[in-house]
Protein backbone atom coordinates (compact mmCIF):
# COMPACT_ATOMS: atom_id res chain seq x y z
CA MET A 1 27.81 -14.42 94.27
CA GLN A 2 30.75 -13.96 96.63
CA VAL A 3 33.88 -14.71 94.58
CA ILE A 4 34.85 -14.50 90.91
CA LEU A 5 37.78 -16.49 89.54
CA PHE A 6 39.21 -14.92 86.40
CA ASP A 7 41.58 -16.35 83.85
CA LEU A 8 44.20 -13.82 82.64
CA ASP A 9 45.24 -14.31 78.99
CA GLY A 10 42.32 -13.86 76.67
CA THR A 11 40.06 -12.82 79.54
CA LEU A 12 41.58 -9.77 81.24
CA PHE A 13 44.56 -9.14 78.94
CA ASP A 14 45.34 -9.49 75.26
CA THR A 15 48.86 -10.92 75.53
CA ARG A 16 49.09 -12.63 72.15
CA LYS A 17 51.83 -10.48 70.62
CA ASP A 18 54.19 -10.76 73.59
CA ILE A 19 53.72 -14.54 73.69
CA ALA A 20 54.34 -14.83 69.96
CA ASN A 21 57.41 -12.62 70.24
CA ALA A 22 58.81 -14.89 72.95
CA VAL A 23 58.17 -18.03 70.90
CA ASN A 24 59.73 -16.54 67.78
CA PHE A 25 62.73 -15.26 69.72
CA ALA A 26 63.32 -18.83 70.81
CA ARG A 27 62.79 -20.22 67.32
CA ARG A 28 65.26 -17.74 65.81
CA ARG A 29 67.84 -18.89 68.32
CA TYR A 30 67.69 -22.34 66.73
CA SER A 31 67.50 -21.00 63.14
CA LEU A 32 63.85 -21.95 62.80
CA PRO A 33 61.35 -19.86 60.83
CA GLU A 34 59.03 -17.62 62.80
CA LEU A 35 55.43 -18.66 63.35
CA PRO A 36 52.50 -16.34 62.55
CA LEU A 37 50.53 -14.79 65.40
CA ASP A 38 47.41 -16.88 64.81
CA GLN A 39 49.38 -20.12 64.88
CA VAL A 40 51.06 -19.27 68.18
CA THR A 41 47.76 -18.11 69.67
CA ALA A 42 46.25 -21.53 68.94
CA MET A 43 49.06 -23.10 70.98
CA VAL A 44 48.58 -21.17 74.22
CA GLY A 45 46.44 -21.74 77.28
CA ASP A 46 48.00 -24.82 78.86
CA GLY A 47 51.22 -23.40 80.30
CA VAL A 48 54.69 -22.69 78.93
CA PRO A 49 55.92 -26.33 78.71
CA ILE A 50 52.95 -27.30 76.53
CA LEU A 51 53.40 -24.13 74.46
CA ALA A 52 57.06 -25.03 73.93
CA GLU A 53 56.15 -28.59 73.01
CA ARG A 54 53.68 -27.36 70.40
CA ALA A 55 55.99 -24.68 69.00
CA PHE A 56 59.09 -26.92 68.82
CA GLY A 57 57.64 -30.37 68.20
CA GLY A 58 59.61 -32.26 65.58
CA THR A 59 62.38 -29.66 65.37
CA GLY A 60 64.99 -31.57 67.35
CA VAL A 61 65.19 -28.85 70.02
CA SER A 62 64.82 -30.28 73.51
CA LEU A 63 61.74 -29.27 75.48
CA GLU A 64 63.91 -27.94 78.32
CA GLU A 65 65.90 -25.70 75.96
CA ALA A 66 62.75 -24.45 74.27
CA VAL A 67 61.10 -23.58 77.61
CA ASP A 68 64.23 -21.81 78.85
CA SER A 69 64.53 -19.76 75.65
CA ILE A 70 60.87 -18.72 75.64
CA LEU A 71 61.01 -17.71 79.30
CA GLU A 72 64.31 -15.86 78.84
CA TYR A 73 62.61 -13.46 76.47
CA TYR A 74 59.21 -13.35 78.12
CA LEU A 75 60.59 -12.62 81.59
CA ALA A 76 62.37 -9.60 80.13
CA HIS A 77 59.42 -8.49 77.97
CA PRO A 78 56.20 -9.53 79.77
CA ALA A 79 54.14 -6.51 78.78
CA ASP A 80 55.73 -4.76 75.80
CA GLU A 81 52.60 -5.13 73.67
CA SER A 82 50.07 -6.58 76.12
CA ALA A 83 47.12 -4.55 77.35
CA PRO A 84 43.85 -5.07 79.19
CA TYR A 85 40.84 -5.68 76.99
CA PRO A 86 38.48 -2.74 76.46
CA GLY A 87 36.43 -2.04 79.55
CA VAL A 88 38.55 -4.05 81.98
CA LYS A 89 40.01 -1.08 83.86
CA GLU A 90 36.66 0.64 84.08
CA THR A 91 34.70 -2.46 85.07
CA LEU A 92 36.88 -4.09 87.72
CA PRO A 93 36.13 -1.41 90.38
CA ARG A 94 32.41 -1.99 89.82
CA ILE A 95 32.57 -5.74 90.47
CA GLU A 96 31.58 -6.24 94.09
CA PRO A 97 32.40 -9.94 94.70
CA ILE A 98 35.94 -10.82 95.76
CA LYS A 99 38.09 -11.02 92.65
CA THR A 100 40.76 -13.70 92.16
CA ILE A 101 42.94 -14.86 89.26
CA VAL A 102 44.07 -18.34 88.32
CA SER A 103 46.22 -18.48 85.19
CA ASN A 104 48.40 -21.16 83.63
CA LYS A 105 51.03 -18.45 83.04
CA PRO A 106 53.87 -18.38 85.64
CA GLU A 107 52.72 -16.43 88.69
CA ASN A 108 55.50 -13.84 88.55
CA LEU A 109 54.47 -12.92 84.99
CA VAL A 110 50.82 -12.61 86.03
CA ARG A 111 51.78 -10.24 88.83
CA GLU A 112 54.09 -8.23 86.56
CA LEU A 113 51.27 -7.60 84.10
CA LEU A 114 48.88 -6.56 86.85
CA ASN A 115 51.47 -4.28 88.46
CA GLN A 116 52.46 -2.56 85.21
CA HIS A 117 48.85 -1.71 84.50
CA GLU A 118 48.03 -0.87 88.13
CA LEU A 119 45.35 -3.54 88.39
CA ASP A 120 46.90 -5.61 91.19
CA ARG A 121 44.93 -3.78 93.88
CA TYR A 122 41.66 -5.22 92.61
CA PHE A 123 42.56 -8.86 93.21
CA ASP A 124 42.52 -10.53 96.59
CA PHE A 125 44.28 -13.68 95.41
CA VAL A 126 46.50 -14.38 92.38
CA ALA A 127 47.80 -17.74 91.22
CA GLY A 128 49.79 -18.89 88.21
CA GLY A 129 50.62 -22.16 86.56
CA ASP A 130 53.39 -22.78 89.06
CA THR A 131 51.40 -21.88 92.20
CA PHE A 132 49.71 -25.27 92.57
CA PRO A 133 50.96 -28.79 91.80
CA GLU A 134 48.61 -29.02 88.79
CA LYS A 135 47.51 -26.51 86.15
CA LYS A 136 43.99 -25.96 84.82
CA PRO A 137 41.88 -27.89 83.88
CA SER A 138 42.82 -29.63 87.11
CA PRO A 139 40.33 -28.54 89.81
CA VAL A 140 43.09 -28.14 92.44
CA SER A 141 43.20 -24.32 92.29
CA LEU A 142 39.42 -23.91 92.27
CA ARG A 143 39.02 -26.26 95.21
CA TYR A 144 41.64 -24.27 97.08
CA ILE A 145 39.70 -21.05 96.52
CA LEU A 146 36.44 -22.67 97.64
CA SER A 147 38.21 -23.66 100.85
CA ARG A 148 40.10 -20.38 101.27
CA TYR A 149 36.90 -18.34 101.27
CA SER A 150 34.71 -21.00 102.92
CA ILE A 151 32.16 -20.84 100.12
CA GLY A 152 30.04 -23.34 98.23
CA GLU A 153 29.85 -24.12 94.53
CA ASN A 154 26.97 -21.69 94.00
CA ASP A 155 28.94 -18.78 95.51
CA ILE A 156 31.68 -18.56 92.87
CA LEU A 157 31.82 -17.85 89.15
CA VAL A 158 34.67 -18.88 86.81
CA VAL A 159 35.39 -16.53 83.90
CA GLY A 160 37.68 -17.60 81.06
CA ASP A 161 38.17 -17.94 77.33
CA HIS A 162 39.39 -21.50 76.95
CA GLN A 163 38.35 -25.09 77.48
CA PRO A 164 40.53 -25.62 80.62
CA ASP A 165 38.67 -22.85 82.46
CA ILE A 166 35.23 -24.25 81.67
CA GLN A 167 36.26 -27.86 82.29
CA MET A 168 37.69 -26.93 85.70
CA ALA A 169 34.44 -25.20 86.64
CA ARG A 170 32.34 -28.11 85.42
CA THR A 171 34.43 -30.63 87.40
CA CYS A 172 33.66 -28.72 90.59
CA GLY A 173 30.01 -28.05 89.81
CA VAL A 174 30.68 -24.31 89.49
CA ARG A 175 29.02 -21.99 86.98
CA SER A 176 31.17 -20.47 84.25
CA VAL A 177 31.33 -17.55 81.84
CA TYR A 178 33.04 -17.84 78.45
CA CYS A 179 34.68 -14.77 76.88
CA ASN A 180 33.84 -14.80 73.18
CA TYR A 181 36.24 -11.89 72.61
CA GLY A 182 39.26 -13.89 73.81
CA PHE A 183 41.89 -15.98 72.06
CA PHE A 184 39.69 -18.84 70.90
CA GLY A 185 36.56 -17.26 69.46
CA ARG A 186 32.99 -18.03 70.40
CA ASP A 187 32.07 -20.60 73.02
CA VAL A 188 31.97 -24.17 71.72
CA VAL A 189 32.71 -25.81 75.09
CA GLY A 190 29.38 -25.17 76.77
CA ALA A 191 29.80 -22.57 79.51
CA ASP A 192 26.75 -21.45 81.47
CA PHE A 193 27.06 -17.91 80.12
CA ALA A 194 28.97 -16.14 77.36
CA ILE A 195 29.99 -12.50 76.97
CA ASP A 196 31.14 -10.54 73.92
CA SER A 197 32.87 -7.80 75.93
CA PHE A 198 34.26 -7.65 79.44
CA PRO A 199 31.75 -5.14 80.88
CA GLU A 200 28.95 -7.63 80.19
CA ILE A 201 30.06 -9.49 83.31
CA LEU A 202 28.14 -6.82 85.24
CA ASP A 203 24.90 -7.89 83.54
CA ILE A 204 25.45 -11.48 84.61
CA LEU A 205 26.17 -10.46 88.20
CA GLU A 206 23.02 -8.33 88.23
CA ARG A 207 21.00 -11.36 87.15
CA PHE A 208 22.36 -13.32 90.10
CA GLU A 209 21.55 -10.45 92.44
CA GLN A 210 17.99 -10.17 91.17
CA ALA A 211 17.57 -13.90 91.58
CA GLY A 212 18.84 -13.66 95.15
CA GLU A 213 21.97 -15.69 94.48
């Protein structure tokens, strides 16, 4: 295993409260009631425009205004209440394959989170939802990484907590790991592996090493 592609939200970081705060800031601006954390969490994972569409559908607020309002707050408060999941900081230095990130969150917000928690040095490549022409589950970003590192489908592992991550991997014939501890609960999308805590990724990598992969 030469490269690992990680998702960010729900995989490396618990960002639910900051996302919900941004959505509710925007809703208050238009005199709309706030949404509970669980409801906002169920809306995330497909990028800010889709989040805004889900959070403001049927309210009469334009999608453009909703996106702008959410980003206004989130750009100013990207990591007030966000933190890496337990074991992330301790485990990343022990992961030998090249580590990359592909998130549907805007790239500048991904980098801000990594920088604030001093995790940026562990990742060789970082991409957000605005880095490529298409977001996950489109295979565009994964195909780019396969080409960037001149590797085959058996040399990379996709790690995420949501259907777009697993679907992207499946489209490219790449193996995947689902994070049961993330935003969406236990795996119901059919990843190749599932983990209940981040450090368990080391067990999966050891299995590949023992198998000579």
